[in-house]
Amino acid sequence: MAVQQNKKSPSRRGMHRANDFLTNPATAVEPTTGEIHLRHHISPNGFYRGRKVVSSKSDNG
């Protein structure tokens, strides 16, 4: 049976448990394209809240 050699301090114990409470990032669905992106960020196609906010090279011609 494994026996610990040194006592783990409360700080180290907290660091060990820190990843137990991680959550997935909040995502949003773009209404015009249906793409999933991070909340409060533009979608990969350059849309934000249904409006085109960033033009790309493919849009110009």
PDB file of N, CA and C in Angstrom:
ATOM      1  N   MET A   1       0.835  -1.172   0.000  1.00  0.00           N
ATOM      2  CA  MET A   1       0.000   0.000   0.000  1.00  0.00           C
ATOM      3  C   MET A   1       0.888   1.246   0.000  1.00  0.00           C
ATOM      4  N   ALA A   2       0.506   2.245  -0.749  1.00  0.00           N
ATOM      5  CA  ALA A   2       1.288   3.471  -0.841  1.00  0.00           C
ATOM      6  C   ALA A   2       1.060   4.335   0.394  1.00  0.00           C
ATOM      7  N   VAL A   3       2.155   4.864   0.937  1.00  0.00           N
ATOM      8  CA  VAL A   3       2.081   5.727   2.109  1.00  0.00           C
ATOM      9  C   VAL A   3       2.807   7.018   1.767  1.00  0.00           C
ATOM     10  N   GLN A   4       2.155   8.137   2.064  1.00  0.00           N
ATOM     11  CA  GLN A   4       2.798   9.416   1.736  1.00  0.00           C
ATOM     12  C   GLN A   4       4.042   9.614   2.583  1.00  0.00           C
ATOM     13  N   GLN A   5       5.048  10.244   1.967  1.00  0.00           N
ATOM     14  CA  GLN A   5       6.294  10.457   2.686  1.00  0.00           C
ATOM     15  C   GLN A   5       6.256  11.766   3.460  1.00  0.00           C
ATOM     16  N   ASN A   6       5.648  12.794   2.874  1.00  0.00           N
ATOM     17  CA  ASN A   6       5.546  14.090   3.534  1.00  0.00           C
ATOM     18  C   ASN A   6       4.092  14.544   3.522  1.00  0.00           C
ATOM     19  N   LYS A   7       3.723  15.341   4.537  1.00  0.00           N
ATOM     20  CA  LYS A   7       2.362  15.865   4.613  1.00  0.00           C
ATOM     21  C   LYS A   7       2.175  16.943   3.545  1.00  0.00           C
ATOM     22  N   LYS A   8       1.038  16.885   2.850  1.00  0.00           N
ATOM     23  CA  LYS A   8       0.716  17.905   1.842  1.00  0.00           C
ATOM     24  C   LYS A   8       0.088  19.100   2.552  1.00  0.00           C
ATOM     25  N   SER A   9       0.670  20.289   2.365  1.00  0.00           N
ATOM     26  CA  SER A   9       0.187  21.483   3.050  1.00  0.00           C
ATOM     27  C   SER A   9      -1.187  21.888   2.496  1.00  0.00           C
ATOM     28  N   PRO A  10      -1.953  22.687   3.248  1.00  0.00           N
ATOM     29  CA  PRO A  10      -3.263  23.123   2.754  1.00  0.00           C
ATOM     30  C   PRO A  10      -3.172  23.875   1.427  1.00  0.00           C
ATOM     31  N   SER A  11      -2.103  24.635   1.248  1.00  0.00           N
ATOM     32  CA  SER A  11      -1.934  25.362  -0.008  1.00  0.00           C
ATOM     33  C   SER A  11      -1.749  24.392  -1.174  1.00  0.00           C
ATOM     34  N   ARG A  12      -0.865  23.417  -0.992  1.00  0.00           N
ATOM     35  CA  ARG A  12      -0.629  22.421  -2.046  1.00  0.00           C
ATOM     36  C   ARG A  12      -1.889  21.581  -2.294  1.00  0.00           C
ATOM     37  N   ARG A  13      -2.626  21.282  -1.241  1.00  0.00           N
ATOM     38  CA  ARG A  13      -3.857  20.514  -1.385  1.00  0.00           C
ATOM     39  C   ARG A  13      -4.868  21.293  -2.231  1.00  0.00           C
ATOM     40  N   GLY A  14      -4.932  22.617  -1.989  1.00  0.00           N
ATOM     41  CA  GLY A  14      -5.833  23.456  -2.769  1.00  0.00           C
ATOM     42  C   GLY A  14      -5.413  23.512  -4.234  1.00  0.00           C
ATOM     43  N   MET A  15      -4.104  23.569  -4.481  1.00  0.00           N
ATOM     44  CA  MET A  15      -3.613  23.581  -5.854  1.00  0.00           C
ATOM     45  C   MET A  15      -3.954  22.278  -6.563  1.00  0.00           C
ATOM     46  N   HIS A  16      -3.891  21.176  -5.815  1.00  0.00           N
ATOM     47  CA  HIS A  16      -4.190  19.868  -6.382  1.00  0.00           C
ATOM     48  C   HIS A  16      -5.659  19.783  -6.789  1.00  0.00           C
ATOM     49  N   ARG A  17      -6.521  20.408  -5.998  1.00  0.00           N
ATOM     50  CA  ARG A  17      -7.961  20.331  -6.247  1.00  0.00           C
ATOM     51  C   ARG A  17      -8.466  21.425  -7.177  1.00  0.00           C
ATOM     52  N   ALA A  18      -7.608  22.327  -7.600  1.00  0.00           N
ATOM     53  CA  ALA A  18      -8.050  23.482  -8.374  1.00  0.00           C
ATOM     54  C   ALA A  18      -8.749  23.085  -9.677  1.00  0.00           C
ATOM     55  N   ASN A  19      -8.306  22.021 -10.319  1.00  0.00           N
ATOM     56  CA  ASN A  19      -8.885  21.636 -11.599  1.00  0.00           C
ATOM     57  C   ASN A  19     -10.225  20.937 -11.465  1.00  0.00           C
ATOM     58  N   ASP A  20     -10.615  20.579 -10.251  1.00  0.00           N
ATOM     59  CA  ASP A  20     -11.901  19.896 -10.071  1.00  0.00           C
ATOM     60  C   ASP A  20     -13.078  20.809 -10.378  1.00  0.00           C
ATOM     61  N   PHE A  21     -12.896  22.105 -10.240  1.00  0.00           N
ATOM     62  CA  PHE A  21     -14.008  23.033 -10.368  1.00  0.00           C
ATOM     63  C   PHE A  21     -13.955  23.857 -11.637  1.00  0.00           C
ATOM     64  N   LEU A  22     -13.106  23.478 -12.595  1.00  0.00           N
ATOM     65  CA  LEU A  22     -13.073  24.186 -13.866  1.00  0.00           C
ATOM     66  C   LEU A  22     -14.357  23.914 -14.638  1.00  0.00           C
ATOM     67  N   THR A  23     -14.855  24.937 -15.317  1.00  0.00           N
ATOM     68  CA  THR A  23     -16.059  24.781 -16.124  1.00  0.00           C
ATOM     69  C   THR A  23     -15.726  25.077 -17.581  1.00  0.00           C
ATOM     70  N   ASN A  24     -16.592  24.666 -18.464  1.00  0.00           N
ATOM     71  CA  ASN A  24     -16.403  24.963 -19.876  1.00  0.00           C
ATOM     72  C   ASN A  24     -16.658  26.450 -20.122  1.00  0.00           C
ATOM     73  N   PRO A  25     -15.962  27.046 -21.101  1.00  0.00           N
ATOM     74  CA  PRO A  25     -16.195  28.461 -21.380  1.00  0.00           C
ATOM     75  C   PRO A  25     -17.611  28.670 -21.915  1.00  0.00           C
ATOM     76  N   ALA A  26     -18.178  29.826 -21.588  1.00  0.00           N
ATOM     77  CA  ALA A  26     -19.522  30.151 -22.049  1.00  0.00           C
ATOM     78  C   ALA A  26     -19.489  30.400 -23.556  1.00  0.00           C
ATOM     79  N   THR A  27     -20.380  29.756 -24.275  1.00  0.00           N
ATOM     80  CA  THR A  27     -20.424  29.915 -25.725  1.00  0.00           C
ATOM     81  C   THR A  27     -21.763  30.500 -26.136  1.00  0.00           C
ATOM     82  N   ALA A  28     -21.778  31.080 -27.314  1.00  0.00           N
ATOM     83  CA  ALA A  28     -22.987  31.662 -27.886  1.00  0.00           C
ATOM     84  C   ALA A  28     -23.130  31.165 -29.322  1.00  0.00           C
ATOM     85  N   VAL A  29     -24.358  31.179 -29.813  1.00  0.00           N
ATOM     86  CA  VAL A  29     -24.629  30.793 -31.197  1.00  0.00           C
ATOM     87  C   VAL A  29     -24.948  32.050 -31.982  1.00  0.00           C
ATOM     88  N   GLU A  30     -24.218  32.257 -33.066  1.00  0.00           N
ATOM     89  CA  GLU A  30     -24.443  33.425 -33.918  1.00  0.00           C
ATOM     90  C   GLU A  30     -25.768  33.246 -34.647  1.00  0.00           C
ATOM     91  N   PRO A  31     -26.694  34.224 -34.530  1.00  0.00           N
ATOM     92  CA  PRO A  31     -28.012  34.033 -35.136  1.00  0.00           C
ATOM     93  C   PRO A  31     -28.006  34.007 -36.663  1.00  0.00           C
ATOM     94  N   THR A  32     -27.082  34.695 -37.304  1.00  0.00           N
ATOM     95  CA  THR A  32     -27.100  34.747 -38.764  1.00  0.00           C
ATOM     96  C   THR A  32     -26.444  33.528 -39.394  1.00  0.00           C
ATOM     97  N   THR A  33     -25.317  33.069 -38.825  1.00  0.00           N
ATOM     98  CA  THR A  33     -24.591  31.962 -39.441  1.00  0.00           C
ATOM     99  C   THR A  33     -24.754  30.652 -38.691  1.00  0.00           C
ATOM    100  N   GLY A  34     -25.208  30.701 -37.441  1.00  0.00           N
ATOM    101  CA  GLY A  34     -25.359  29.490 -36.646  1.00  0.00           C
ATOM    102  C   GLY A  34     -24.059  28.971 -36.066  1.00  0.00           C
ATOM    103  N   GLU A  35     -22.999  29.749 -36.166  1.00  0.00           N
ATOM    104  CA  GLU A  35     -21.706  29.326 -35.640  1.00  0.00           C
ATOM    105  C   GLU A  35     -21.664  29.469 -34.119  1.00  0.00           C
ATOM    106  N   ILE A  36     -20.887  28.625 -33.491  1.00  0.00           N
ATOM    107  CA  ILE A  36     -20.684  28.690 -32.048  1.00  0.00           C
ATOM    108  C   ILE A  36     -19.372  29.422 -31.792  1.00  0.00           C
ATOM    109  N   HIS A  37     -19.414  30.401 -30.896  1.00  0.00           N
ATOM    110  CA  HIS A  37     -18.207  31.161 -30.578  1.00  0.00           C
ATOM    111  C   HIS A  37     -18.264  31.563 -29.112  1.00  0.00           C
ATOM    112  N   LEU A  38     -17.146  32.074 -28.588  1.00  0.00           N
ATOM    113  CA  LEU A  38     -17.105  32.542 -27.211  1.00  0.00           C
ATOM    114  C   LEU A  38     -18.027  33.744 -27.045  1.00  0.00           C
ATOM    115  N   ARG A  39     -18.667  33.836 -25.887  1.00  0.00           N
ATOM    116  CA  ARG A  39     -19.544  34.978 -25.633  1.00  0.00           C
ATOM    117  C   ARG A  39     -18.728  36.265 -25.651  1.00  0.00           C
ATOM    118  N   HIS A  40     -19.307  37.320 -26.148  1.00  0.00           N
ATOM    119  CA  HIS A  40     -18.700  38.644 -26.234  1.00  0.00           C
ATOM    120  C   HIS A  40     -17.483  38.666 -27.145  1.00  0.00           C
ATOM    121  N   HIS A  41     -17.387  37.714 -28.066  1.00  0.00           N
ATOM    122  CA  HIS A  41     -16.335  37.693 -29.067  1.00  0.00           C
ATOM    123  C   HIS A  41     -16.991  37.569 -30.434  1.00  0.00           C
ATOM    124  N   ILE A  42     -16.288  37.980 -31.484  1.00  0.00           N
ATOM    125  CA  ILE A  42     -16.847  37.829 -32.824  1.00  0.00           C
ATOM    126  C   ILE A  42     -16.722  36.373 -33.258  1.00  0.00           C
ATOM    127  N   SER A  43     -17.575  35.986 -34.191  1.00  0.00           N
ATOM    128  CA  SER A  43     -17.524  34.626 -34.715  1.00  0.00           C
ATOM    129  C   SER A  43     -16.383  34.527 -35.726  1.00  0.00           C
ATOM    130  N   PRO A  44     -16.004  33.323 -36.129  1.00  0.00           N
ATOM    131  CA  PRO A  44     -14.910  33.183 -37.103  1.00  0.00           C
ATOM    132  C   PRO A  44     -15.167  33.890 -38.431  1.00  0.00           C
ATOM    133  N   ASN A  45     -16.429  34.083 -38.790  1.00  0.00           N
ATOM    134  CA  ASN A  45     -16.739  34.786 -40.042  1.00  0.00           C
ATOM    135  C   ASN A  45     -16.808  36.291 -39.873  1.00  0.00           C
ATOM    136  N   GLY A  46     -16.598  36.809 -38.664  1.00  0.00           N
ATOM    137  CA  GLY A  46     -16.574  38.248 -38.444  1.00  0.00           C
ATOM    138  C   GLY A  46     -17.914  38.840 -38.057  1.00  0.00           C
ATOM    139  N   PHE A  47     -18.860  38.028 -37.583  1.00  0.00           N
ATOM    140  CA  PHE A  47     -20.161  38.522 -37.162  1.00  0.00           C
ATOM    141  C   PHE A  47     -20.195  38.685 -35.660  1.00  0.00           C
ATOM    142  N   TYR A  48     -20.951  39.686 -35.191  1.00  0.00           N
ATOM    143  CA  TYR A  48     -21.197  39.870 -33.770  1.00  0.00           C
ATOM    144  C   TYR A  48     -22.630  40.325 -33.596  1.00  0.00           C
ATOM    145  N   ARG A  49     -23.407  39.543 -32.874  1.00  0.00           N
ATOM    146  CA  ARG A  49     -24.815  39.815 -32.597  1.00  0.00           C
ATOM    147  C   ARG A  49     -25.598  40.084 -33.879  1.00  0.00           C
ATOM    148  N   GLY A  50     -25.341  39.279 -34.908  1.00  0.00           N
ATOM    149  CA  GLY A  50     -26.117  39.357 -36.138  1.00  0.00           C
ATOM    150  C   GLY A  50     -25.620  40.367 -37.155  1.00  0.00           C
ATOM    151  N   ARG A  51     -24.597  41.145 -36.835  1.00  0.00           N
ATOM    152  CA  ARG A  51     -24.089  42.157 -37.775  1.00  0.00           C
ATOM    153  C   ARG A  51     -22.657  41.820 -38.163  1.00  0.00           C
ATOM    154  N   LYS A  52     -22.301  42.103 -39.406  1.00  0.00           N
ATOM    155  CA  LYS A  52     -20.937  41.904 -39.892  1.00  0.00           C
ATOM    156  C   LYS A  52     -20.090  43.066 -39.374  1.00  0.00           C
ATOM    157  N   VAL A  53     -19.088  42.770 -38.533  1.00  0.00           N
ATOM    158  CA  VAL A  53     -18.283  43.832 -37.924  1.00  0.00           C
ATOM    159  C   VAL A  53     -16.851  43.833 -38.450  1.00  0.00           C
ATOM    160  N   VAL A  54     -16.392  42.717 -39.034  1.00  0.00           N
ATOM    161  CA  VAL A  54     -15.035  42.647 -39.563  1.00  0.00           C
ATOM    162  C   VAL A  54     -15.131  42.131 -40.986  1.00  0.00           C
ATOM    163  N   SER A  55     -14.566  42.893 -41.915  1.00  0.00           N
ATOM    164  CA  SER A  55     -14.572  42.434 -43.307  1.00  0.00           C
ATOM    165  C   SER A  55     -13.306  41.624 -43.565  1.00  0.00           C
ATOM    166  N   SER A  56     -13.439  40.605 -44.393  1.00  0.00           N
ATOM    167  CA  SER A  56     -12.297  39.760 -44.726  1.00  0.00           C
ATOM    168  C   SER A  56     -11.988  39.906 -46.197  1.00  0.00           C
ATOM    169  N   LYS A  57     -10.880  39.323 -46.618  1.00  0.00           N
ATOM    170  CA  LYS A  57     -10.462  39.413 -48.015  1.00  0.00           C
ATOM    171  C   LYS A  57     -11.475  38.746 -48.947  1.00  0.00           C
ATOM    172  N   SER A  58     -12.103  37.675 -48.496  1.00  0.00           N
ATOM    173  CA  SER A  58     -13.065  36.953 -49.339  1.00  0.00           C
ATOM    174  C   SER A  58     -14.339  37.769 -49.533  1.00  0.00           C
ATOM    175  N   ASP A  59     -14.642  38.720 -48.642  1.00  0.00           N
ATOM    176  CA  ASP A  59     -15.837  39.537 -48.789  1.00  0.00           C
ATOM    177  C   ASP A  59     -15.680  40.605 -49.863  1.00  0.00           C
ATOM    178  N   ASN A  60     -14.450  41.051 -50.075  1.00  0.00           N
ATOM    179  CA  ASN A  60     -14.225  42.165 -51.006  1.00  0.00           C
ATOM    180  C   ASN A  60     -14.256  41.733 -52.469  1.00  0.00           C
ATOM    181  N   GLY A  61     -14.106  40.490 -52.746  1.00  0.00           N
ATOM    182  CA  GLY A  61     -14.172  40.126 -54.142  1.00  0.00           C
ATOM    183  C   GLY A  61     -13.491  38.872 -54.376  1.00  0.00           C
TER     184      GLY A  61
END
